[in-house]
Amino acid sequence: MPFRLDQIERAIRSHEPHVVSLDGAPARAAVAIVIDSAPEDDLHLFFIHRAVDERDPWSGHMGFPGGFMEDADGDLVATVSREVLEETGIDLRRSARLLGRLDEIQGVARGRQLPLVISPFLFALNEPVVPEPNEEVQGVLWVPLGFLADPRNEQLTDHQVATQRLRLPGFVYEQRIIWGLTFRMVQNFLSVIGARATSEDR
């Protein structure tokens, strides 16, 4: 049975997001998990393929669009709306509605924990969009939720993390690997909406 947006919205609205507490004054960031419910076969989640940039600790990774909070942002919803518009050309304020917030997560890059708290926000598109990525994004990808929810599609892939070569869990879809922080956010989202069964059980 395909996933239904109204069921996801009810689950998200009843979820109390976990809050990360770090010493000092950690940086704040926000990312958008954008759902497209227009395809008839399944809901789809939106991912970006980050450009290769030595200054970026997540250079070349698959991820959700978003970025760091700036002083001019009134709140984290303003942060994620601004960043998604800059990175992808998608205006969430016009083309989507906010469903809710998932668990905060501490930033990790190159095997090291960062003084950074990331807040994922869930949005549902209310009209068709055509992404227009900027120079920070080398590509975009829509992934069926049913694919992500089926545990048989999780696999171990090799990654160079700092000085170590590790085999870590992730998804491979259309030859792109979703792993690390983004994989953890997807797992949290699936857990919140109760989507950890195999496709035969749904």
C-alpha atoms as a PDB file:
ATOM      1  CA  MET A   1       0.000   0.000   0.000  1.00  0.00           C
ATOM      2  CA  PRO A   2       1.486   3.410  -0.938  1.00  0.00           C
ATOM      3  CA  PHE A   3       2.328   5.886   1.797  1.00  0.00           C
ATOM      4  CA  ARG A   4      -0.259   8.589   2.374  1.00  0.00           C
ATOM      5  CA  LEU A   5       0.647  12.180   3.080  1.00  0.00           C
ATOM      6  CA  ASP A   6      -2.138  12.669   5.619  1.00  0.00           C
ATOM      7  CA  GLN A   7      -0.872   9.732   7.679  1.00  0.00           C
ATOM      8  CA  ILE A   8       2.659  11.133   7.610  1.00  0.00           C
ATOM      9  CA  GLU A   9       1.400  14.553   8.666  1.00  0.00           C
ATOM     10  CA  ARG A  10      -0.479  13.109  11.644  1.00  0.00           C
ATOM     11  CA  ALA A  11       2.587  11.155  12.760  1.00  0.00           C
ATOM     12  CA  ILE A  12       4.875  14.189  12.464  1.00  0.00           C
ATOM     13  CA  ARG A  13       2.502  16.513  14.298  1.00  0.00           C
ATOM     14  CA  SER A  14       2.222  14.083  17.228  1.00  0.00           C
ATOM     15  CA  HIS A  15       6.016  13.632  17.440  1.00  0.00           C
ATOM     16  CA  GLU A  16       7.986  15.482  20.124  1.00  0.00           C
ATOM     17  CA  PRO A  17      11.400  16.162  18.502  1.00  0.00           C
ATOM     18  CA  HIS A  18      14.528  15.217  20.431  1.00  0.00           C
ATOM     19  CA  VAL A  19      16.589  18.278  21.362  1.00  0.00           C
ATOM     20  CA  VAL A  20      20.401  18.239  21.300  1.00  0.00           C
ATOM     21  CA  SER A  21      22.108  20.087  24.157  1.00  0.00           C
ATOM     22  CA  LEU A  22      25.745  21.065  23.651  1.00  0.00           C
ATOM     23  CA  ASP A  23      28.026  23.104  25.882  1.00  0.00           C
ATOM     24  CA  GLY A  24      28.730  26.686  24.934  1.00  0.00           C
ATOM     25  CA  ALA A  25      26.986  28.335  22.027  1.00  0.00           C
ATOM     26  CA  PRO A  26      26.930  25.803  19.192  1.00  0.00           C
ATOM     27  CA  ALA A  27      26.214  26.854  15.631  1.00  0.00           C
ATOM     28  CA  ARG A  28      22.708  26.117  14.345  1.00  0.00           C
ATOM     29  CA  ALA A  29      21.671  24.783  10.960  1.00  0.00           C
ATOM     30  CA  ALA A  30      18.478  23.537   9.361  1.00  0.00           C
ATOM     31  CA  VAL A  31      17.690  21.234   6.458  1.00  0.00           C
ATOM     32  CA  ALA A  32      14.478  20.542   4.540  1.00  0.00           C
ATOM     33  CA  ILE A  33      13.053  17.094   3.877  1.00  0.00           C
ATOM     34  CA  VAL A  34      10.754  17.897   0.968  1.00  0.00           C
ATOM     35  CA  ILE A  35       8.001  15.464  -0.025  1.00  0.00           C
ATOM     36  CA  ASP A  36       6.469  15.389  -3.493  1.00  0.00           C
ATOM     37  CA  SER A  37       3.087  13.662  -3.440  1.00  0.00           C
ATOM     38  CA  ALA A  38       2.309  14.258  -7.107  1.00  0.00           C
ATOM     39  CA  PRO A  39       3.711  10.979  -8.546  1.00  0.00           C
ATOM     40  CA  GLU A  40       0.971   8.349  -8.612  1.00  0.00           C
ATOM     41  CA  ASP A  41       3.239   5.436  -7.706  1.00  0.00           C
ATOM     42  CA  ASP A  42       4.688   6.731  -4.408  1.00  0.00           C
ATOM     43  CA  LEU A  43       5.686   9.783  -2.409  1.00  0.00           C
ATOM     44  CA  HIS A  44       9.202  11.005  -3.213  1.00  0.00           C
ATOM     45  CA  LEU A  45      11.853  12.725  -1.084  1.00  0.00           C
ATOM     46  CA  PHE A  46      14.157  15.401  -2.474  1.00  0.00           C
ATOM     47  CA  PHE A  47      17.952  15.124  -2.164  1.00  0.00           C
ATOM     48  CA  ILE A  48      20.812  17.247  -3.429  1.00  0.00           C
ATOM     49  CA  HIS A  49      24.250  16.101  -4.563  1.00  0.00           C
ATOM     50  CA  ARG A  50      26.632  18.621  -3.059  1.00  0.00           C
ATOM     51  CA  ALA A  51      29.317  20.100  -5.283  1.00  0.00           C
ATOM     52  CA  VAL A  52      32.942  19.116  -4.728  1.00  0.00           C
ATOM     53  CA  ASP A  53      34.569  21.835  -2.638  1.00  0.00           C
ATOM     54  CA  GLU A  54      37.572  21.335  -0.361  1.00  0.00           C
ATOM     55  CA  ARG A  55      36.173  23.949   2.028  1.00  0.00           C
ATOM     56  CA  ASP A  56      32.981  21.943   2.509  1.00  0.00           C
ATOM     57  CA  PRO A  57      33.260  19.170   5.149  1.00  0.00           C
ATOM     58  CA  TRP A  58      30.444  17.339   3.330  1.00  0.00           C
ATOM     59  CA  SER A  59      31.923  17.896  -0.124  1.00  0.00           C
ATOM     60  CA  GLY A  60      30.371  15.657  -2.774  1.00  0.00           C
ATOM     61  CA  HIS A  61      27.871  14.043  -0.393  1.00  0.00           C
ATOM     62  CA  MET A  62      24.191  13.398  -0.963  1.00  0.00           C
ATOM     63  CA  GLY A  63      22.102  15.399   1.473  1.00  0.00           C
ATOM     64  CA  PHE A  64      19.032  17.466   2.153  1.00  0.00           C
ATOM     65  CA  PRO A  65      19.149  21.141   1.147  1.00  0.00           C
ATOM     66  CA  GLY A  66      19.776  23.606   3.941  1.00  0.00           C
ATOM     67  CA  GLY A  67      22.520  25.404   5.773  1.00  0.00           C
ATOM     68  CA  PHE A  68      23.698  27.516   8.688  1.00  0.00           C
ATOM     69  CA  MET A  69      21.527  29.993  10.533  1.00  0.00           C
ATOM     70  CA  GLU A  70      22.496  33.631  10.012  1.00  0.00           C
ATOM     71  CA  ASP A  71      21.931  36.591  12.320  1.00  0.00           C
ATOM     72  CA  ALA A  72      19.330  38.066   9.968  1.00  0.00           C
ATOM     73  CA  ASP A  73      17.191  34.903  10.099  1.00  0.00           C
ATOM     74  CA  GLY A  74      14.271  35.261  12.463  1.00  0.00           C
ATOM     75  CA  ASP A  75      14.158  31.532  13.198  1.00  0.00           C
ATOM     76  CA  LEU A  76      15.265  28.184  11.790  1.00  0.00           C
ATOM     77  CA  VAL A  77      12.283  27.998   9.420  1.00  0.00           C
ATOM     78  CA  ALA A  78      13.518  31.244   7.898  1.00  0.00           C
ATOM     79  CA  THR A  79      16.988  29.732   7.702  1.00  0.00           C
ATOM     80  CA  VAL A  80      15.902  26.611   5.856  1.00  0.00           C
ATOM     81  CA  SER A  81      13.579  28.558   3.531  1.00  0.00           C
ATOM     82  CA  ARG A  82      16.391  30.942   2.586  1.00  0.00           C
ATOM     83  CA  GLU A  83      18.969  28.187   2.105  1.00  0.00           C
ATOM     84  CA  VAL A  84      16.695  25.965  -0.002  1.00  0.00           C
ATOM     85  CA  LEU A  85      15.832  28.907  -2.253  1.00  0.00           C
ATOM     86  CA  GLU A  86      19.521  29.791  -2.661  1.00  0.00           C
ATOM     87  CA  GLU A  87      20.682  26.223  -3.296  1.00  0.00           C
ATOM     88  CA  THR A  88      17.856  24.834  -5.406  1.00  0.00           C
ATOM     89  CA  GLY A  89      15.624  27.704  -6.522  1.00  0.00           C
ATOM     90  CA  ILE A  90      12.661  26.118  -4.706  1.00  0.00           C
ATOM     91  CA  ASP A  91      10.617  28.686  -2.774  1.00  0.00           C
ATOM     92  CA  LEU A  92       9.243  26.691   0.143  1.00  0.00           C
ATOM     93  CA  ARG A  93       7.128  29.611   1.369  1.00  0.00           C
ATOM     94  CA  ARG A  94       5.235  29.668  -1.936  1.00  0.00           C
ATOM     95  CA  SER A  95       5.407  26.080  -3.151  1.00  0.00           C
ATOM     96  CA  ALA A  96       5.215  23.970   0.021  1.00  0.00           C
ATOM     97  CA  ARG A  97       3.719  23.783   3.487  1.00  0.00           C
ATOM     98  CA  LEU A  98       5.516  22.933   6.687  1.00  0.00           C
ATOM     99  CA  LEU A  99       4.402  19.626   8.233  1.00  0.00           C
ATOM    100  CA  GLY A 100       6.638  19.592  11.281  1.00  0.00           C
ATOM    101  CA  ARG A 101      10.064  19.053  12.730  1.00  0.00           C
ATOM    102  CA  LEU A 102      12.153  15.926  13.260  1.00  0.00           C
ATOM    103  CA  ASP A 103      14.807  15.140  15.878  1.00  0.00           C
ATOM    104  CA  GLU A 104      17.785  17.458  16.142  1.00  0.00           C
ATOM    105  CA  ILE A 105      21.141  15.895  15.349  1.00  0.00           C
ATOM    106  CA  GLN A 106      24.691  16.879  16.196  1.00  0.00           C
ATOM    107  CA  GLY A 107      26.849  17.657  13.194  1.00  0.00           C
ATOM    108  CA  VAL A 108      29.605  15.213  12.335  1.00  0.00           C
ATOM    109  CA  ALA A 109      32.176  15.695   9.578  1.00  0.00           C
ATOM    110  CA  ARG A 110      35.240  13.646   8.630  1.00  0.00           C
ATOM    111  CA  GLY A 111      34.808  11.468  11.687  1.00  0.00           C
ATOM    112  CA  ARG A 112      34.657  14.327  14.198  1.00  0.00           C
ATOM    113  CA  GLN A 113      31.727  15.668  16.179  1.00  0.00           C
ATOM    114  CA  LEU A 114      31.144  19.376  15.611  1.00  0.00           C
ATOM    115  CA  PRO A 115      29.748  22.142  17.859  1.00  0.00           C
ATOM    116  CA  LEU A 116      26.751  22.213  15.536  1.00  0.00           C
ATOM    117  CA  VAL A 117      23.079  21.343  15.981  1.00  0.00           C
ATOM    118  CA  ILE A 118      21.096  20.496  12.829  1.00  0.00           C
ATOM    119  CA  SER A 119      17.288  20.703  12.774  1.00  0.00           C
ATOM    120  CA  PRO A 120      15.434  18.826  10.004  1.00  0.00           C
ATOM    121  CA  PHE A 121      12.074  20.252   8.904  1.00  0.00           C
ATOM    122  CA  LEU A 122       9.519  18.334   6.859  1.00  0.00           C
ATOM    123  CA  PHE A 123       7.720  20.074   3.989  1.00  0.00           C
ATOM    124  CA  ALA A 124       5.132  18.882   1.465  1.00  0.00           C
ATOM    125  CA  LEU A 125       4.975  20.454  -1.975  1.00  0.00           C
ATOM    126  CA  ASN A 126       1.647  21.963  -2.931  1.00  0.00           C
ATOM    127  CA  GLU A 127       2.573  22.675  -6.549  1.00  0.00           C
ATOM    128  CA  PRO A 128       5.057  21.343  -9.129  1.00  0.00           C
ATOM    129  CA  VAL A 129       8.601  22.702  -8.891  1.00  0.00           C
ATOM    130  CA  VAL A 130      11.575  22.719 -11.234  1.00  0.00           C
ATOM    131  CA  PRO A 131      14.813  22.839  -9.218  1.00  0.00           C
ATOM    132  CA  GLU A 132      17.443  25.278 -10.438  1.00  0.00           C
ATOM    133  CA  PRO A 133      20.570  24.353  -8.445  1.00  0.00           C
ATOM    134  CA  ASN A 134      23.273  26.938  -7.793  1.00  0.00           C
ATOM    135  CA  GLU A 135      27.029  26.328  -7.798  1.00  0.00           C
ATOM    136  CA  GLU A 136      26.855  24.546  -4.423  1.00  0.00           C
ATOM    137  CA  VAL A 137      24.833  21.703  -5.940  1.00  0.00           C
ATOM    138  CA  GLN A 138      25.960  19.388  -8.735  1.00  0.00           C
ATOM    139  CA  GLY A 139      22.693  17.522  -9.063  1.00  0.00           C
ATOM    140  CA  VAL A 140      19.311  16.680  -7.524  1.00  0.00           C
ATOM    141  CA  LEU A 141      17.517  13.402  -6.970  1.00  0.00           C
ATOM    142  CA  TRP A 142      13.955  12.383  -6.115  1.00  0.00           C
ATOM    143  CA  VAL A 143      13.868   9.041  -4.265  1.00  0.00           C
ATOM    144  CA  PRO A 144      10.667   7.011  -3.709  1.00  0.00           C
ATOM    145  CA  LEU A 145       9.736   6.723  -0.054  1.00  0.00           C
ATOM    146  CA  GLY A 146       8.886   3.064  -0.581  1.00  0.00           C
ATOM    147  CA  PHE A 147      12.486   2.414  -1.642  1.00  0.00           C
ATOM    148  CA  LEU A 148      13.870   4.074   1.485  1.00  0.00           C
ATOM    149  CA  ALA A 149      11.393   2.308   3.773  1.00  0.00           C
ATOM    150  CA  ASP A 150      12.312  -1.184   2.583  1.00  0.00           C
ATOM    151  CA  PRO A 151      15.216  -2.409   4.779  1.00  0.00           C
ATOM    152  CA  ARG A 152      16.348  -4.692   1.973  1.00  0.00           C
ATOM    153  CA  ASN A 153      17.564  -1.585   0.164  1.00  0.00           C
ATOM    154  CA  GLU A 154      20.009  -0.683   2.938  1.00  0.00           C
ATOM    155  CA  GLN A 155      23.553  -1.781   2.222  1.00  0.00           C
ATOM    156  CA  LEU A 156      27.094  -1.272   3.468  1.00  0.00           C
ATOM    157  CA  THR A 157      29.295   0.922   1.299  1.00  0.00           C
ATOM    158  CA  ASP A 158      32.967   1.888   1.580  1.00  0.00           C
ATOM    159  CA  HIS A 159      33.908   5.408   2.667  1.00  0.00           C
ATOM    160  CA  GLN A 160      37.114   7.212   3.541  1.00  0.00           C
ATOM    161  CA  VAL A 161      36.503   8.891   6.914  1.00  0.00           C
ATOM    162  CA  ALA A 162      39.534  10.906   8.027  1.00  0.00           C
ATOM    163  CA  THR A 163      42.354   8.338   7.922  1.00  0.00           C
ATOM    164  CA  GLN A 164      40.099   5.286   8.084  1.00  0.00           C
ATOM    165  CA  ARG A 165      38.424   3.215   5.407  1.00  0.00           C
ATOM    166  CA  LEU A 166      35.027   2.204   6.780  1.00  0.00           C
ATOM    167  CA  ARG A 167      32.023   0.216   5.621  1.00  0.00           C
ATOM    168  CA  LEU A 168      28.936   2.166   6.624  1.00  0.00           C
ATOM    169  CA  PRO A 169      25.194   1.700   6.084  1.00  0.00           C
ATOM    170  CA  GLY A 170      23.360   3.660   3.443  1.00  0.00           C
ATOM    171  CA  PHE A 171      21.145   3.569   0.372  1.00  0.00           C
ATOM    172  CA  VAL A 172      22.306   3.376  -3.228  1.00  0.00           C
ATOM    173  CA  TYR A 173      19.789   4.819  -5.667  1.00  0.00           C
ATOM    174  CA  GLU A 174      20.576   5.604  -9.292  1.00  0.00           C
ATOM    175  CA  GLN A 175      24.280   5.103  -8.499  1.00  0.00           C
ATOM    176  CA  ARG A 176      24.277   7.728  -5.751  1.00  0.00           C
ATOM    177  CA  ILE A 177      24.978   6.871  -2.109  1.00  0.00           C
ATOM    178  CA  ILE A 178      22.932   8.314   0.749  1.00  0.00           C
ATOM    179  CA  TRP A 179      24.894   7.812   3.964  1.00  0.00           C
ATOM    180  CA  GLY A 180      26.207   9.516   7.109  1.00  0.00           C
ATOM    181  CA  LEU A 181      24.137  12.284   8.677  1.00  0.00           C
ATOM    182  CA  THR A 182      21.574  12.178   5.876  1.00  0.00           C
ATOM    183  CA  PHE A 183      21.090   8.424   6.297  1.00  0.00           C
ATOM    184  CA  ARG A 184      20.512   8.986  10.022  1.00  0.00           C
ATOM    185  CA  MET A 185      17.926  11.682   9.308  1.00  0.00           C
ATOM    186  CA  VAL A 186      16.122   9.373   6.882  1.00  0.00           C
ATOM    187  CA  GLN A 187      16.116   6.611   9.511  1.00  0.00           C
ATOM    188  CA  ASN A 188      14.643   8.996  12.084  1.00  0.00           C
ATOM    189  CA  PHE A 189      11.962  10.130   9.630  1.00  0.00           C
ATOM    190  CA  LEU A 190      11.037   6.523   8.803  1.00  0.00           C
ATOM    191  CA  SER A 191      10.881   5.637  12.485  1.00  0.00           C
ATOM    192  CA  VAL A 192       8.609   8.578  13.292  1.00  0.00           C
ATOM    193  CA  ILE A 193       6.138   7.715  10.534  1.00  0.00           C
ATOM    194  CA  GLY A 194       6.261   3.979  11.342  1.00  0.00           C
ATOM    195  CA  ALA A 195       7.677   2.989   7.970  1.00  0.00           C
ATOM    196  CA  ARG A 196      10.204   0.301   8.882  1.00  0.00           C
ATOM    197  CA  ALA A 197       8.320  -2.692   7.488  1.00  0.00           C
ATOM    198  CA  THR A 198       9.182  -4.504   4.256  1.00  0.00           C
ATOM    199  CA  SER A 199       7.147  -3.656   1.175  1.00  0.00           C
ATOM    200  CA  GLU A 200       5.160  -6.922   1.538  1.00  0.00           C
ATOM    201  CA  ASP A 201       4.120  -5.954   5.079  1.00  0.00           C
ATOM    202  CA  ARG A 202       2.891  -2.471   4.195  1.00  0.00           C
END
